[in-house]
Amino acid sequence: MGISPADLVAATSDRPPAPTFAEYVPVVAAAVSAGTRRAYGSYWKRVVEQWGQRRIDEPTPSEIERLAEYVKTHVVARRNARGGRSAAEHLIASLRCLYRRAVADGLLSEAENPALKVAKPRRLPSTRRALADTRLAEINEVAASTGDDPALDSLLLRLHTETACRRGGALALRPVDLDPDQCLILLREKGETVRWQPVSPTLMRYLQRHAEQRHATETGPLFRYRSGQPITYRRYDHLWVRIGEHLQWVHAQQISTHWLRHTTLTWVERNFGYAIARAYAGHSAGGGDAGTTATYVRATIHEVAAALAALTGEPHPLA
């Protein structure tokens, strides 16, 4: 090919000096999605605090492991903490994200990426599980009878129970994403996934009414306070704190919105099978540990609608 070892050495030496972490973290933060910034922002801040004036090509894998151990031992102690394993995992993931961007920008080669040489801590099984019907009824009763906006809170719980969507999907929902004729809503969730999800006619009516009464614009967030301001993740935090004040078991077990997702998907899987539960959850076929067979047994939206109709006891146009 006419390339000598000297040419390769010269090409490497001609590369400009790598930026410092303090210089490069803002570049990466501006390039990633809002969800990624929310997930990794606090860890990038910690990296800048520790290594701000160092160049990004200086840390070794051993130094990254030491930083992960430091973050693990200095994590803020919470009731649901699990020894800081999650903090260490997220730190390493945040550095992998940063170094992937550095490789793409030509600041490092793939072989020089130190974060790839550091293993993440093994993730422990989740403590979340499906809730019993009686427990779910208690949660809905408290949400509907307490707080400054029980109509909003009850609507949020109904949405998550029917669709098993994530918080991000609910916050991204817009009036333009409603299809009242077919009782479908367009969910946009993590990983930039987009899917049409069936909802009951009753939920559709309340979503439309909420958007109209709270003056939501067609392309703006649907869920809003009475003032017209869109809600944020903080609404969920306050909701579960309030429910925990009335239901001791909610506080003790750290119940959250994601438990509703577990509850609905468990019921769908038990009654309609794995393929339909997978489609109901919005998981991509063939991913994870499902195997190649999942590619061939994908459920249709009509089957998902049939499961929803059985769950809610209401007929659905697509079922």
Protein backbone atom coordinates (compact mmCIF):
# COMPACT_ATOMS: atom_id res chain seq x y z
CA MET A 1 0.00 0.00 0.00
CA GLY A 2 3.03 2.24 0.06
CA ILE A 3 2.67 3.07 3.79
CA SER A 4 5.62 2.63 6.12
CA PRO A 5 5.62 2.42 9.93
CA ALA A 6 7.20 5.86 9.95
CA ASP A 7 4.20 7.26 8.06
CA LEU A 8 1.83 5.89 10.69
CA VAL A 9 3.89 7.39 13.53
CA ALA A 10 3.98 10.71 11.74
CA ALA A 11 0.21 10.67 11.21
CA THR A 12 -0.31 10.12 14.94
CA SER A 13 2.11 12.89 15.89
CA ASP A 14 0.39 15.31 13.51
CA ARG A 15 -2.87 14.95 15.41
CA PRO A 16 -3.66 18.08 17.48
CA PRO A 17 -3.45 17.80 21.28
CA ALA A 18 -6.56 16.33 22.84
CA PRO A 19 -8.81 18.78 24.73
CA THR A 20 -9.20 18.73 28.48
CA PHE A 21 -12.27 17.26 30.12
CA ALA A 22 -13.40 20.75 31.08
CA GLU A 23 -13.26 21.74 27.41
CA TYR A 24 -14.72 18.58 25.88
CA VAL A 25 -17.57 17.66 28.24
CA PRO A 26 -19.68 20.69 27.14
CA VAL A 27 -19.11 19.67 23.51
CA VAL A 28 -20.39 16.15 24.16
CA ALA A 29 -23.30 17.39 26.30
CA ALA A 30 -24.44 19.67 23.48
CA ALA A 31 -24.29 16.84 20.92
CA VAL A 32 -26.30 14.17 22.77
CA SER A 33 -30.03 13.94 23.37
CA ALA A 34 -31.80 15.50 26.35
CA GLY A 35 -32.34 12.06 27.86
CA THR A 36 -28.64 11.23 27.67
CA ARG A 37 -27.74 14.57 29.26
CA ARG A 38 -30.17 13.88 32.06
CA ALA A 39 -28.73 10.41 32.64
CA TYR A 40 -25.03 11.28 32.42
CA GLY A 41 -24.89 14.99 33.27
CA SER A 42 -24.15 14.57 36.98
CA TYR A 43 -21.42 12.01 36.22
CA TRP A 44 -19.75 14.25 33.64
CA LYS A 45 -19.83 16.99 36.26
CA ARG A 46 -18.02 14.67 38.67
CA VAL A 47 -15.44 13.84 36.00
CA VAL A 48 -14.80 17.55 35.41
CA GLU A 49 -14.42 18.09 39.15
CA GLN A 50 -11.79 15.35 39.38
CA TRP A 51 -10.05 15.63 36.02
CA GLY A 52 -11.11 18.98 34.59
CA GLN A 53 -7.64 20.17 33.57
CA ARG A 54 -6.41 16.80 32.32
CA ARG A 55 -6.51 15.92 28.63
CA ILE A 56 -9.00 13.24 27.71
CA ASP A 57 -6.21 10.97 26.41
CA GLU A 58 -4.40 10.92 29.75
CA PRO A 59 -6.50 8.69 32.10
CA THR A 60 -5.73 4.98 32.08
CA PRO A 61 -8.24 2.17 32.62
CA SER A 62 -6.93 1.79 36.17
CA GLU A 63 -7.61 5.45 36.87
CA ILE A 64 -11.16 5.10 35.54
CA GLU A 65 -11.68 2.11 37.84
CA ARG A 66 -10.41 4.16 40.79
CA LEU A 67 -12.77 7.01 39.91
CA ALA A 68 -15.67 4.57 39.63
CA GLU A 69 -14.80 3.17 43.07
CA TYR A 70 -14.62 6.72 44.46
CA VAL A 71 -18.07 7.54 43.06
CA LYS A 72 -19.40 4.25 44.39
CA THR A 73 -18.23 4.97 47.96
CA HIS A 74 -19.31 8.64 47.92
CA VAL A 75 -22.79 8.16 46.46
CA VAL A 76 -25.63 9.93 48.22
CA ALA A 77 -27.18 7.40 50.61
CA ARG A 78 -30.83 6.72 49.78
CA ARG A 79 -33.29 4.18 51.16
CA ASN A 80 -33.21 2.21 47.91
CA ALA A 81 -29.43 2.41 47.48
CA ARG A 82 -27.63 -0.81 46.51
CA GLY A 83 -24.09 -0.11 47.57
CA GLY A 84 -23.34 2.44 44.87
CA ARG A 85 -23.23 -0.16 42.08
CA SER A 86 -25.56 1.87 39.89
CA ALA A 87 -23.45 5.01 40.33
CA ALA A 88 -20.29 3.17 39.28
CA GLU A 89 -22.09 1.65 36.29
CA HIS A 90 -23.42 5.02 35.16
CA LEU A 91 -20.01 6.68 35.55
CA ILE A 92 -18.39 4.11 33.28
CA ALA A 93 -21.28 4.39 30.81
CA SER A 94 -20.95 8.18 30.78
CA LEU A 95 -17.22 7.92 30.03
CA ARG A 96 -17.87 5.38 27.26
CA CYS A 97 -20.31 7.86 25.74
CA LEU A 98 -17.73 10.64 25.98
CA TYR A 99 -14.93 8.56 24.47
CA ARG A 100 -17.16 7.27 21.64
CA ARG A 101 -17.68 10.89 20.67
CA ALA A 102 -13.94 11.55 20.94
CA VAL A 103 -13.19 8.63 18.60
CA ALA A 104 -15.83 9.87 16.15
CA ASP A 105 -14.30 13.35 16.27
CA GLY A 106 -10.85 11.93 15.45
CA LEU A 107 -9.34 12.92 18.78
CA LEU A 108 -8.52 9.32 19.69
CA SER A 109 -8.35 5.99 17.93
CA GLU A 110 -10.60 3.09 18.90
CA ALA A 111 -7.59 1.29 20.42
CA GLU A 112 -6.86 4.33 22.61
CA ASN A 113 -10.32 4.35 24.19
CA PRO A 114 -9.65 3.53 27.89
CA ALA A 115 -13.31 3.28 28.91
CA LEU A 116 -13.83 0.18 26.75
CA LYS A 117 -11.20 -1.62 28.80
CA VAL A 118 -13.12 -1.14 32.06
CA ALA A 119 -15.92 -3.59 32.87
CA LYS A 120 -19.20 -2.31 34.25
CA PRO A 121 -20.40 -3.73 37.60
CA ARG A 122 -22.84 -6.59 37.11
CA ARG A 123 -26.38 -5.24 37.33
CA LEU A 124 -28.42 -6.77 40.14
CA PRO A 125 -31.96 -8.04 39.48
CA SER A 126 -34.63 -5.39 39.87
CA THR A 127 -36.69 -5.37 43.06
CA ARG A 128 -39.75 -4.09 41.16
CA ARG A 129 -42.65 -6.45 40.60
CA ALA A 130 -46.32 -6.46 39.64
CA LEU A 131 -48.74 -4.95 42.15
CA ALA A 132 -51.86 -6.76 43.35
CA ASP A 133 -55.21 -5.35 42.22
CA THR A 134 -56.07 -4.27 45.75
CA ARG A 135 -52.79 -2.37 46.09
CA LEU A 136 -53.28 -0.67 42.75
CA ALA A 137 -56.78 0.37 43.83
CA GLU A 138 -55.36 1.91 47.03
CA ILE A 139 -52.85 3.95 45.01
CA ASN A 140 -55.54 5.27 42.67
CA GLU A 141 -57.83 6.12 45.57
CA VAL A 142 -55.17 8.21 47.31
CA ALA A 143 -54.18 9.96 44.07
CA ALA A 144 -57.83 10.85 43.37
CA SER A 145 -58.60 12.15 46.85
CA THR A 146 -55.48 14.10 47.85
CA GLY A 147 -53.15 16.74 46.43
CA ASP A 148 -53.68 19.99 44.57
CA ASP A 149 -54.64 18.42 41.22
CA PRO A 150 -56.18 14.96 41.67
CA ALA A 151 -57.66 15.02 38.15
CA LEU A 152 -54.18 15.32 36.65
CA ASP A 153 -52.68 12.64 38.90
CA SER A 154 -55.52 10.19 38.25
CA LEU A 155 -55.18 10.71 34.51
CA LEU A 156 -51.44 10.04 34.65
CA LEU A 157 -51.95 6.82 36.61
CA ARG A 158 -54.67 5.69 34.20
CA LEU A 159 -52.39 6.34 31.22
CA HIS A 160 -49.47 4.38 32.69
CA THR A 161 -51.69 1.51 33.82
CA GLU A 162 -53.35 1.13 30.41
CA THR A 163 -50.31 1.61 28.19
CA ALA A 164 -47.38 0.56 30.44
CA CYS A 165 -45.54 3.56 28.99
CA ARG A 166 -42.55 5.17 30.65
CA ARG A 167 -42.59 8.63 32.19
CA GLY A 168 -40.74 10.02 29.19
CA GLY A 169 -43.45 8.76 26.86
CA ALA A 170 -46.15 10.51 28.88
CA LEU A 171 -44.23 13.79 29.11
CA ALA A 172 -43.59 13.76 25.35
CA LEU A 173 -47.25 13.13 24.48
CA ARG A 174 -48.89 15.94 22.47
CA PRO A 175 -52.51 16.57 21.40
CA VAL A 176 -51.44 15.95 17.81
CA ASP A 177 -50.38 12.43 18.88
CA LEU A 178 -53.97 11.41 19.61
CA ASP A 179 -55.96 9.37 17.09
CA PRO A 180 -59.48 9.35 18.57
CA ASP A 181 -61.03 7.42 15.66
CA GLN A 182 -58.86 4.36 16.28
CA CYS A 183 -58.16 5.09 19.98
CA LEU A 184 -54.40 5.21 19.48
CA ILE A 185 -51.71 7.45 20.93
CA LEU A 186 -48.20 7.99 19.56
CA LEU A 187 -45.57 7.24 22.19
CA ARG A 188 -42.01 8.50 21.85
CA GLU A 189 -39.75 6.93 24.44
CA LYS A 190 -36.11 6.21 25.20
CA GLY A 191 -33.82 5.16 22.39
CA GLU A 192 -35.86 7.40 20.07
CA THR A 193 -38.44 4.64 19.71
CA VAL A 194 -41.83 5.63 18.30
CA ARG A 195 -44.96 3.46 18.32
CA TRP A 196 -48.75 3.69 18.19
CA GLN A 197 -50.27 2.34 21.40
CA PRO A 198 -53.98 1.48 21.85
CA VAL A 199 -55.92 3.17 24.66
CA SER A 200 -59.48 2.75 25.83
CA PRO A 201 -62.22 5.08 24.52
CA THR A 202 -62.65 6.40 28.07
CA LEU A 203 -58.98 7.32 28.41
CA MET A 204 -59.01 8.93 24.97
CA ARG A 205 -61.94 11.15 25.96
CA TYR A 206 -60.21 12.26 29.15
CA LEU A 207 -56.95 12.97 27.32
CA GLN A 208 -58.80 15.16 24.83
CA ARG A 209 -60.72 16.91 27.59
CA HIS A 210 -57.53 17.54 29.57
CA ALA A 211 -55.78 19.04 26.53
CA GLU A 212 -58.76 21.29 25.83
CA GLN A 213 -59.27 22.46 29.41
CA ARG A 214 -55.56 23.09 30.04
CA HIS A 215 -55.15 24.90 26.69
CA ALA A 216 -52.47 22.58 25.33
CA THR A 217 -51.29 23.52 21.84
CA GLU A 218 -51.39 20.85 19.13
CA THR A 219 -47.63 20.35 19.10
CA GLY A 220 -46.94 21.17 22.76
CA PRO A 221 -46.92 18.86 25.79
CA LEU A 222 -50.38 17.50 26.55
CA PHE A 223 -50.13 17.13 30.32
CA ARG A 224 -50.28 20.49 32.05
CA TYR A 225 -51.05 22.14 35.36
CA ARG A 226 -54.17 24.27 35.70
CA SER A 227 -51.98 27.30 34.97
CA GLY A 228 -51.22 25.87 31.53
CA GLN A 229 -47.59 25.12 32.36
CA PRO A 230 -46.39 21.69 31.16
CA ILE A 231 -45.60 19.18 33.90
CA THR A 232 -42.11 17.74 34.38
CA TYR A 233 -40.61 14.69 36.06
CA ARG A 234 -40.99 16.54 39.34
CA ARG A 235 -44.76 15.97 39.23
CA TYR A 236 -44.16 12.24 39.43
CA ASP A 237 -41.73 12.68 42.31
CA HIS A 238 -44.23 14.73 44.32
CA LEU A 239 -47.05 12.32 43.46
CA TRP A 240 -45.29 9.25 44.85
CA VAL A 241 -44.04 11.10 47.92
CA ARG A 242 -47.64 12.13 48.66
CA ILE A 243 -48.99 8.62 48.09
CA GLY A 244 -46.24 7.26 50.36
CA GLU A 245 -47.36 9.62 53.12
CA HIS A 246 -50.81 7.99 53.04
CA LEU A 247 -49.76 4.41 52.27
CA GLN A 248 -46.86 3.20 54.40
CA TRP A 249 -46.11 0.23 52.13
CA VAL A 250 -45.62 2.56 49.14
CA HIS A 251 -43.03 4.52 51.11
CA ALA A 252 -41.34 1.40 52.49
CA GLN A 253 -40.96 -0.33 49.12
CA GLN A 254 -40.19 2.86 47.17
CA ILE A 255 -43.06 2.26 44.73
CA SER A 256 -42.78 4.37 41.56
CA THR A 257 -44.41 4.78 38.17
CA HIS A 258 -42.27 1.99 36.72
CA TRP A 259 -44.01 -0.49 39.03
CA LEU A 260 -47.20 0.18 37.02
CA ARG A 261 -45.35 -0.88 33.88
CA HIS A 262 -44.35 -4.13 35.60
CA THR A 263 -47.93 -4.66 36.75
CA THR A 264 -49.55 -4.21 33.33
CA LEU A 265 -46.95 -6.15 31.35
CA THR A 266 -47.04 -9.05 33.81
CA TRP A 267 -50.82 -9.28 33.42
CA VAL A 268 -50.57 -9.15 29.62
CA GLU A 269 -47.88 -11.84 29.53
CA ARG A 270 -49.81 -14.17 31.82
CA ASN A 271 -53.03 -13.82 29.83
CA PHE A 272 -51.89 -13.25 26.23
CA GLY A 273 -48.33 -14.57 25.98
CA TYR A 274 -44.82 -13.26 25.63
CA ALA A 275 -45.02 -11.93 22.06
CA ILE A 276 -47.99 -9.68 22.82
CA ALA A 277 -46.45 -8.51 26.10
CA ARG A 278 -43.28 -7.62 24.22
CA ALA A 279 -45.22 -5.56 21.68
CA TYR A 280 -47.30 -4.00 24.47
CA ALA A 281 -44.06 -2.85 26.14
CA GLY A 282 -42.70 -1.39 22.92
CA HIS A 283 -39.61 -3.59 22.96
CA SER A 284 -37.92 -4.18 19.62
CA ALA A 285 -38.19 -7.69 18.24
CA GLY A 286 -35.05 -9.79 18.32
CA GLY A 287 -33.30 -7.72 20.98
CA GLY A 288 -32.06 -8.79 24.39
CA ASP A 289 -32.39 -12.42 25.37
CA ALA A 290 -35.55 -13.17 23.36
CA GLY A 291 -33.67 -14.97 20.62
CA THR A 292 -34.16 -14.99 16.87
CA THR A 293 -37.65 -16.47 17.18
CA ALA A 294 -38.98 -13.10 18.36
CA THR A 295 -38.41 -11.79 14.84
CA TYR A 296 -40.99 -14.23 13.48
CA VAL A 297 -43.65 -14.06 16.20
CA ARG A 298 -44.16 -10.32 16.47
CA ALA A 299 -47.61 -9.36 17.70
CA THR A 300 -49.83 -7.03 15.69
CA ILE A 301 -51.40 -3.83 16.97
CA HIS A 302 -54.78 -5.59 16.76
CA GLU A 303 -53.58 -8.22 19.24
CA VAL A 304 -52.28 -5.50 21.55
CA ALA A 305 -55.68 -3.78 21.30
CA ALA A 306 -57.41 -7.06 22.18
CA ALA A 307 -55.25 -7.37 25.31
CA LEU A 308 -56.09 -3.79 26.26
CA ALA A 309 -59.81 -4.44 25.76
CA ALA A 310 -59.61 -7.39 28.13
CA LEU A 311 -57.60 -5.35 30.64
CA THR A 312 -60.02 -2.39 30.70
CA GLY A 313 -63.26 -4.21 29.99
CA GLU A 314 -64.01 -1.76 27.15
CA PRO A 315 -64.35 -2.64 23.45
CA HIS A 316 -61.60 -1.23 21.24
CA PRO A 317 -62.00 -0.26 17.57
CA LEU A 318 -58.98 -2.37 16.54
CA ALA A 319 -59.76 -5.44 18.64
